[in-house]
Amino acid sequence: MLRGTIRGVLARRFPLLVPPLLAACGANDRSAGHEGVSALQVKEAPLPLVLSPPDGAGAQRGRAAGAPAVQLAIVPRSTNDTDADARLCAVMAGASQWSVALPFPWPVDSVARRLLRRVVRRGDVEGLRFVVPGVRAQYVFEGFTRDGSRRVSLRWPVSSDPASPVPVGAPDSVIEAALRPHPALLDSTVGALRFAPSVESGWPTKPTDAAPLVSQAVTDDPPLPVHRMELRHACPQATYLLPMLARADHTVRVPVDSGDRLTAHATVPYGTLRLQFDEAPPAGVPVPAQSTARTDIEATSTGVLTLRVQLQVLPKVQAARQTVYLSVQRSRPASRP
């Protein structure tokens, strides 16, 4: 099994450094009011990669020592997230197991079900990883740096012993144990990316007033109508597609810190809906049902806020089962520390 230290240059003007560290170009914080520039360092990792200097667009490429194919891509992320980036954020926020279209810098040769799907948060990188089965089986990681300034994409070939085939329906632990290199080693290789000095980007200071975009929605249909949406600096907003039945409330639980503001938008093609936070003070008048609704709340303490989504339809006029598009954004007013 290969072991070693990631080597290379990530900065435009930094010379090659002796392992285990290498410098990187600054990360431009996407948040308002933050003028600091951070550098990336890569600490010792279990699998070796050679990283090229950044090109004119600020992108870096990495490959295993001696390998001709590019396996790692670190590219600046656009200020305006693409639909694919937004879907990836929604998958990460809710750990959705639904198959969604993600951006792939490199093609894959299989349409089989993705295996070992897991949200990985290691060091200063977070994203979704899984294994693509097939003749050219691959470990796949798609994610972002912690501050959201860069996309991180990794492909690494994996294999198993043909003399010891994995049984159909085997649990994840059996599949992982059969693969070489082990997915945990590849998770650690992704997690070797570090910021130096350590920085945390700010939250958006202004909530969006835009309605949910269908092209950014990820289906979230758990066994119980309770959804978890973990919004972080790299992904402060996520959009869900909720298959709902009339008068069967869905709740969305969002971890927050004191001073955070959550802004929720929802729309339904047919019928009407209500949005309200369980922690909000009682309104003087009932919340009206609308085809498009918006609500927000400011957290007064660190914990979890619960958003309640209520669907209503007219019997014999509209189907009882409807698709609700829900978008939630986490922000922090500029006046808050």
Protein backbone atom coordinates (compact mmCIF):
# COMPACT_ATOMS: atom_id res chain seq x y z
CA MET A 1 0.00 0.00 0.00
CA LEU A 2 1.37 3.39 -0.94
CA ARG A 3 2.36 5.72 1.84
CA GLY A 4 4.13 9.00 1.81
CA THR A 5 3.84 12.74 1.99
CA ILE A 6 2.00 15.06 -0.35
CA ARG A 7 4.57 17.18 -2.19
CA GLY A 8 4.21 20.09 -4.55
CA VAL A 9 3.55 23.77 -4.79
CA LEU A 10 0.17 25.42 -4.41
CA ALA A 11 1.24 29.08 -4.34
CA ARG A 12 2.14 31.18 -7.32
CA ARG A 13 5.30 32.56 -5.71
CA PHE A 14 6.29 29.94 -3.16
CA PRO A 15 9.15 27.56 -3.93
CA LEU A 16 8.98 23.81 -3.29
CA LEU A 17 9.02 23.11 0.41
CA VAL A 18 10.43 20.17 2.30
CA PRO A 19 7.64 17.80 3.51
CA PRO A 20 5.38 17.58 5.37
CA LEU A 21 4.12 21.10 4.50
CA LEU A 22 3.50 23.01 1.30
CA ALA A 23 2.17 26.50 0.82
CA ALA A 24 -0.84 27.52 -1.20
CA CYS A 25 -2.36 30.56 -2.80
CA GLY A 26 -4.65 32.75 -0.71
CA ALA A 27 -8.31 31.91 -0.32
CA ASN A 28 -10.58 34.80 -1.17
CA ASP A 29 -13.32 34.86 1.44
CA ARG A 30 -16.76 35.03 -0.19
CA SER A 31 -18.32 36.64 2.86
CA ALA A 32 -18.88 40.37 3.17
CA GLY A 33 -16.51 42.40 5.32
CA HIS A 34 -13.69 39.85 5.52
CA GLU A 35 -10.45 41.19 4.03
CA GLY A 36 -8.01 38.59 5.34
CA VAL A 37 -6.27 36.16 3.04
CA SER A 38 -5.46 32.65 4.14
CA ALA A 39 -3.00 30.13 2.74
CA LEU A 40 -3.39 26.39 2.40
CA GLN A 41 -1.02 23.87 3.88
CA VAL A 42 -1.15 20.15 3.32
CA LYS A 43 -0.04 18.06 6.24
CA GLU A 44 1.31 14.55 6.03
CA ALA A 45 -1.21 12.24 4.37
CA PRO A 46 -1.37 8.45 4.05
CA LEU A 47 -1.33 8.46 0.22
CA PRO A 48 1.15 10.52 -1.82
CA LEU A 49 0.15 13.17 -4.34
CA VAL A 50 2.24 15.54 -6.43
CA LEU A 51 0.54 18.92 -6.81
CA SER A 52 1.23 21.32 -9.67
CA PRO A 53 1.53 25.09 -9.25
CA PRO A 54 -1.71 27.02 -9.82
CA ASP A 55 -2.52 27.92 -13.40
CA GLY A 56 -3.69 31.32 -14.61
CA ALA A 57 -7.18 30.69 -13.24
CA GLY A 58 -5.84 29.72 -9.82
CA ALA A 59 -6.59 26.00 -10.20
CA GLN A 60 -4.27 23.25 -8.98
CA ARG A 61 -4.03 19.63 -10.12
CA GLY A 62 -2.67 16.61 -8.30
CA ARG A 63 -1.74 13.07 -9.21
CA ALA A 64 -0.19 10.08 -7.52
CA ALA A 65 3.58 9.88 -7.87
CA GLY A 66 4.35 8.40 -11.28
CA ALA A 67 0.71 8.34 -12.39
CA PRO A 68 -0.17 10.10 -15.67
CA ALA A 69 -3.80 10.88 -14.83
CA VAL A 70 -4.98 13.86 -12.80
CA GLN A 71 -6.72 12.71 -9.62
CA LEU A 72 -7.12 15.83 -7.51
CA ALA A 73 -8.52 19.19 -8.61
CA ILE A 74 -8.71 22.31 -6.43
CA VAL A 75 -10.43 25.14 -8.28
CA PRO A 76 -11.68 28.56 -7.19
CA ARG A 77 -15.40 28.55 -6.58
CA SER A 78 -17.54 31.10 -8.35
CA THR A 79 -19.13 33.83 -6.25
CA ASN A 80 -22.45 32.82 -7.80
CA ASP A 81 -22.89 29.15 -7.01
CA THR A 82 -23.86 26.93 -9.87
CA ASP A 83 -26.92 24.71 -9.64
CA ALA A 84 -24.64 21.68 -9.24
CA ASP A 85 -22.82 23.30 -6.32
CA ALA A 86 -26.17 24.12 -4.71
CA ARG A 87 -27.33 20.50 -5.04
CA LEU A 88 -24.09 19.31 -3.49
CA CYS A 89 -24.70 21.71 -0.58
CA ALA A 90 -28.19 20.29 -0.08
CA VAL A 91 -26.85 16.72 -0.06
CA MET A 92 -24.23 17.69 2.52
CA ALA A 93 -26.69 19.64 4.68
CA GLY A 94 -29.14 16.76 4.96
CA ALA A 95 -26.88 13.76 4.25
CA SER A 96 -29.42 12.80 1.58
CA GLN A 97 -29.13 9.31 0.11
CA TRP A 98 -31.00 10.23 -3.06
CA SER A 99 -29.00 10.16 -6.27
CA VAL A 100 -28.45 13.68 -7.60
CA ALA A 101 -26.54 15.17 -10.52
CA LEU A 102 -23.22 16.49 -9.23
CA PRO A 103 -20.43 18.12 -11.24
CA PHE A 104 -17.82 15.57 -12.29
CA PRO A 105 -14.53 16.88 -13.70
CA TRP A 106 -13.81 13.33 -14.92
CA PRO A 107 -16.22 10.81 -16.48
CA VAL A 108 -17.18 7.54 -14.79
CA ASP A 109 -17.93 4.30 -16.62
CA SER A 110 -20.82 2.99 -14.54
CA VAL A 111 -24.46 3.82 -13.91
CA ALA A 112 -24.64 1.40 -10.98
CA ARG A 113 -25.79 2.57 -7.58
CA ARG A 114 -23.14 4.57 -5.75
CA LEU A 115 -21.75 2.75 -2.74
CA LEU A 116 -20.47 3.92 0.66
CA ARG A 117 -22.07 7.38 0.42
CA ARG A 118 -20.95 9.49 3.33
CA VAL A 119 -20.50 13.14 4.23
CA VAL A 120 -16.86 13.65 5.18
CA ARG A 121 -15.65 16.61 7.24
CA ARG A 122 -11.92 16.41 7.82
CA GLY A 123 -9.66 19.31 8.66
CA ASP A 124 -10.58 22.22 6.42
CA VAL A 125 -12.39 20.25 3.71
CA GLU A 126 -15.92 18.89 3.71
CA GLY A 127 -17.97 17.10 1.09
CA LEU A 128 -19.59 13.93 -0.16
CA ARG A 129 -17.66 10.75 -0.89
CA PHE A 130 -18.75 7.47 -2.42
CA VAL A 131 -17.42 4.59 -4.51
CA VAL A 132 -18.42 4.10 -8.13
CA PRO A 133 -18.45 0.34 -8.89
CA GLY A 134 -17.46 -1.10 -12.24
CA VAL A 135 -14.48 -2.33 -14.20
CA ARG A 136 -12.73 0.94 -13.36
CA ALA A 137 -14.01 1.35 -9.83
CA GLN A 138 -13.28 4.74 -8.28
CA TYR A 139 -13.38 6.52 -4.96
CA VAL A 140 -15.06 9.88 -5.57
CA PHE A 141 -14.98 12.98 -3.37
CA GLU A 142 -16.78 16.22 -4.23
CA GLY A 143 -16.73 19.07 -1.75
CA PHE A 144 -15.47 22.48 -0.70
CA THR A 145 -12.86 24.06 1.49
CA ARG A 146 -14.32 25.08 4.83
CA ASP A 147 -14.68 28.74 3.88
CA GLY A 148 -16.41 27.84 0.61
CA SER A 149 -13.81 29.55 -1.58
CA ARG A 150 -12.66 26.42 -3.46
CA ARG A 151 -14.08 23.25 -4.94
CA VAL A 152 -12.17 20.07 -4.10
CA SER A 153 -12.59 17.01 -6.35
CA LEU A 154 -10.74 13.72 -5.93
CA ARG A 155 -10.83 10.52 -7.99
CA TRP A 156 -8.78 7.50 -6.97
CA PRO A 157 -8.94 4.00 -8.45
CA VAL A 158 -9.91 1.25 -6.01
CA SER A 159 -9.97 -2.51 -6.41
CA SER A 160 -10.72 -5.71 -4.53
CA ASP A 161 -9.37 -9.25 -4.66
CA PRO A 162 -11.17 -11.10 -7.52
CA ALA A 163 -10.64 -14.36 -5.61
CA SER A 164 -12.73 -13.02 -2.71
CA PRO A 165 -15.82 -11.38 -4.24
CA VAL A 166 -17.99 -9.23 -2.03
CA PRO A 167 -21.45 -10.81 -1.50
CA VAL A 168 -24.45 -8.96 -2.90
CA GLY A 169 -26.09 -6.89 -0.17
CA ALA A 170 -22.97 -6.89 2.02
CA PRO A 171 -22.88 -4.12 4.67
CA ASP A 172 -20.68 -1.08 4.15
CA SER A 173 -18.05 -2.36 6.60
CA VAL A 174 -17.50 -5.51 4.52
CA ILE A 175 -17.27 -3.55 1.26
CA GLU A 176 -14.82 -1.05 2.75
CA ALA A 177 -12.62 -3.82 4.16
CA ALA A 178 -12.39 -5.41 0.71
CA LEU A 179 -11.22 -2.28 -1.09
CA ARG A 180 -7.63 -1.24 -1.70
CA PRO A 181 -6.78 1.42 -0.82
CA HIS A 182 -9.23 1.54 2.06
CA PRO A 183 -11.71 4.46 1.72
CA ALA A 184 -10.68 5.70 5.18
CA LEU A 185 -7.15 6.31 3.85
CA LEU A 186 -8.58 8.35 1.00
CA ASP A 187 -10.78 10.28 3.42
CA SER A 188 -7.63 11.12 5.38
CA THR A 189 -5.83 12.20 2.22
CA VAL A 190 -8.63 14.66 1.46
CA GLY A 191 -8.55 15.80 5.09
CA ALA A 192 -4.84 16.64 4.89
CA LEU A 193 -5.73 20.02 3.34
CA ARG A 194 -5.35 22.75 5.94
CA PHE A 195 -5.66 26.52 6.19
CA ALA A 196 -2.71 28.36 7.66
CA PRO A 197 -3.38 30.47 9.58
CA SER A 198 -6.71 28.94 10.52
CA VAL A 199 -9.60 31.18 9.51
CA GLU A 200 -13.36 30.91 9.58
CA SER A 201 -15.30 32.79 6.93
CA GLY A 202 -18.25 34.93 7.92
CA TRP A 203 -21.87 34.10 7.30
CA PRO A 204 -23.84 36.04 4.67
CA THR A 205 -25.01 39.30 6.22
CA LYS A 206 -28.17 39.71 4.14
CA PRO A 207 -30.79 36.99 3.67
CA THR A 208 -31.93 36.25 0.15
CA ASP A 209 -35.44 37.12 -0.96
CA ALA A 210 -35.39 34.71 -3.91
CA ALA A 211 -37.87 31.85 -4.16
CA PRO A 212 -36.47 28.29 -4.25
CA LEU A 213 -35.00 27.23 -7.60
CA VAL A 214 -36.24 23.86 -8.84
CA SER A 215 -32.86 23.23 -10.51
CA GLN A 216 -31.14 23.39 -7.10
CA ALA A 217 -33.52 21.15 -5.15
CA VAL A 218 -32.54 17.77 -3.73
CA THR A 219 -35.22 15.25 -2.79
CA ASP A 220 -35.39 14.60 0.93
CA ASP A 221 -37.94 11.94 1.86
CA PRO A 222 -36.95 10.25 5.15
CA PRO A 223 -39.07 7.52 6.81
CA LEU A 224 -40.43 10.14 9.21
CA PRO A 225 -41.32 13.69 8.12
CA VAL A 226 -38.45 15.14 10.15
CA HIS A 227 -35.51 16.64 8.28
CA ARG A 228 -32.12 17.82 9.50
CA MET A 229 -30.46 20.69 7.68
CA GLU A 230 -26.92 21.43 8.85
CA LEU A 231 -25.90 24.71 7.23
CA ARG A 232 -22.20 25.57 7.45
CA HIS A 233 -19.89 28.32 6.17
CA ALA A 234 -19.18 26.53 2.89
CA CYS A 235 -22.92 25.96 2.33
CA PRO A 236 -25.07 28.55 4.16
CA GLN A 237 -28.14 27.69 2.07
CA ALA A 238 -29.82 24.47 0.95
CA THR A 239 -32.93 23.64 -1.10
CA TYR A 240 -35.06 20.55 -0.57
CA LEU A 241 -37.80 18.94 -2.62
CA LEU A 242 -40.29 17.58 -0.09
CA PRO A 243 -42.93 15.04 -1.19
CA MET A 244 -45.77 15.97 1.17
CA LEU A 245 -49.32 14.94 2.02
CA ALA A 246 -51.90 17.55 2.93
CA ARG A 247 -52.26 18.16 6.67
CA ALA A 248 -49.21 16.01 7.44
CA ASP A 249 -46.72 18.54 8.79
CA HIS A 250 -43.02 18.28 8.02
CA THR A 251 -40.43 19.72 10.40
CA VAL A 252 -36.92 20.86 9.53
CA ARG A 253 -34.41 21.07 12.37
CA VAL A 254 -31.50 23.49 11.83
CA PRO A 255 -28.56 23.85 14.28
CA VAL A 256 -27.76 27.52 14.97
CA ASP A 257 -25.64 29.78 17.13
CA SER A 258 -26.96 32.73 19.09
CA GLY A 259 -27.43 35.70 16.75
CA ASP A 260 -27.93 33.63 13.60
CA ARG A 261 -30.88 34.39 11.34
CA LEU A 262 -32.72 31.68 9.45
CA THR A 263 -34.74 32.68 6.40
CA ALA A 264 -37.06 30.12 4.81
CA HIS A 265 -38.86 30.25 1.47
CA ALA A 266 -41.28 27.62 0.19
CA THR A 267 -43.50 27.19 -2.83
CA VAL A 268 -46.02 24.58 -3.99
CA PRO A 269 -47.38 24.27 -7.57
CA TYR A 270 -50.95 23.49 -6.43
CA GLY A 271 -52.61 24.25 -3.14
CA THR A 272 -51.26 26.47 -0.36
CA LEU A 273 -48.87 26.13 2.56
CA ARG A 274 -47.82 27.74 5.82
CA LEU A 275 -44.31 28.22 7.18
CA GLN A 276 -43.54 28.99 10.81
CA PHE A 277 -40.83 28.36 13.38
CA ASP A 278 -41.93 26.56 16.52
CA GLU A 279 -39.72 28.87 18.59
CA ALA A 280 -41.26 32.07 17.19
CA PRO A 281 -43.59 34.02 19.52
CA PRO A 282 -47.31 33.53 18.81
CA ALA A 283 -48.56 35.79 16.06
CA GLY A 284 -51.44 38.13 16.74
CA VAL A 285 -53.30 36.70 13.75
CA PRO A 286 -53.08 33.25 12.15
CA VAL A 287 -50.38 32.83 9.53
CA PRO A 288 -52.14 32.92 6.13
CA ALA A 289 -51.81 29.97 3.77
CA GLN A 290 -50.19 30.90 0.45
CA SER A 291 -48.78 29.18 -2.62
CA THR A 292 -45.45 30.90 -1.87
CA ALA A 293 -44.47 31.61 1.73
CA ARG A 294 -41.55 33.23 3.54
CA THR A 295 -40.61 33.44 7.21
CA ASP A 296 -37.53 34.15 9.28
CA ILE A 297 -36.29 34.08 12.86
CA GLU A 298 -33.25 35.21 14.82
CA ALA A 299 -31.76 32.73 17.27
CA THR A 300 -31.49 33.99 20.84
CA SER A 301 -29.38 31.04 21.99
CA THR A 302 -27.23 28.27 20.59
CA GLY A 303 -29.20 25.15 19.80
CA VAL A 304 -31.64 23.88 17.18
CA LEU A 305 -34.53 25.76 15.58
CA THR A 306 -37.51 23.87 14.14
CA LEU A 307 -39.27 25.02 10.99
CA ARG A 308 -42.79 23.64 10.46
CA VAL A 309 -44.11 23.18 6.91
CA GLN A 310 -47.88 22.73 6.58
CA LEU A 311 -49.51 21.83 3.25
CA GLN A 312 -53.18 22.43 2.45
CA VAL A 313 -55.14 21.50 -0.68
CA LEU A 314 -58.74 21.67 -1.82
CA PRO A 315 -60.28 18.17 -1.81
CA LYS A 316 -61.45 16.91 -5.23
CA VAL A 317 -59.66 19.84 -6.83
CA GLN A 318 -56.01 19.28 -5.99
CA ALA A 319 -54.11 16.07 -5.34
CA ALA A 320 -53.49 15.34 -1.66
CA ARG A 321 -49.84 14.56 -2.42
CA GLN A 322 -47.83 17.55 -3.60
CA THR A 323 -44.21 18.54 -4.15
CA VAL A 324 -43.05 21.40 -1.94
CA TYR A 325 -39.83 23.25 -2.70
CA LEU A 326 -38.18 24.60 0.44
CA SER A 327 -35.05 26.72 0.74
CA VAL A 328 -33.44 27.72 4.05
CA GLN A 329 -30.56 30.17 4.47
CA ARG A 330 -28.43 30.82 7.54
CA SER A 331 -27.09 34.37 7.86
CA ARG A 332 -25.81 36.75 10.51
CA PRO A 333 -26.66 40.46 10.53
CA ALA A 334 -23.64 42.73 10.12
CA SER A 335 -24.30 44.29 13.53
CA ARG A 336 -23.80 40.94 15.23
CA PRO A 337 -20.27 39.82 16.21
